[in-house]
């Protein structure tokens, strides 16, 4: 009797396997792999130039020629990239008056915009453009982490340090107390960011009750809006323009949320909790 149960159990396990989980990717994409703590040991990249005096010097991520030296095909004229002292134009109406300098995220977003008849060598890079986006994102995250690491006192992170963290983690070594960098809740993906979102979701459940629907919204590269734009750009594939696909997805996501909130689908809607995975 025991043997029959084992055979039945093995049969159920085989039937539960999803073959799609082991299939090869259907699109040609590039991803980044960060080993260790980003920016903790060496924030410089493997770009070395020779000065006129004959000395060798490494180029940091904040050097305006960093991207031009890293991607000479995308920037054939050696265009300047981001630098910390880059200021807003007086004619630009969209900048924050409290910020005198352009943040790195805004500069990267400016770079990947289409501007009519201007030469868009960067957007036509294909897989190299994908690598540029991954490298830009890693550089942006490294810059944010460097700022948090150097401004722990300004971020009021000292209230999280000391005995409280030592007790919560079971650390009995007094030398380790106060030595760790605390990520604030404003940093997306940090422990305190996830904890705050969890507490907000639980507060909503306590007030309105358990959720009734769990809706997953995915992107389709065959959407007519994406196909129409790619048809106007010969030689492009969907994975070559992640900027275009992300914009269409965001517009459709906002439209779906507004449609649900309008009451045309559900008669009475009490709360919508959005999660990003």
Foldseek 3Di string as FASTA:
>chain_A
DVVVVVVVVVVVVVVPDDPVVPDDDPDDADADDDPDDALPPDQFDPDWDADPVRDIDTDGPQFQQPVCSVCCQLVVPSGGAHHFAAADDPPDPPDDPVDGHDQLVVRVVVLPDDDPPDDRSLLPPFRVNNVVVNVSVSNNVSVVVVVQQVCVVVVVVVVVWFPNVCVVVVPPDRVPTPPDRADDLVDPPHPNVVVVLVVVVVVCCVVPNDDDDDDDDDFDCPDPVNVVVVVVPPPDDSNSCPVVRVVVSVVVVVVVVVVVVVCPVPVDDDDDRDDDD
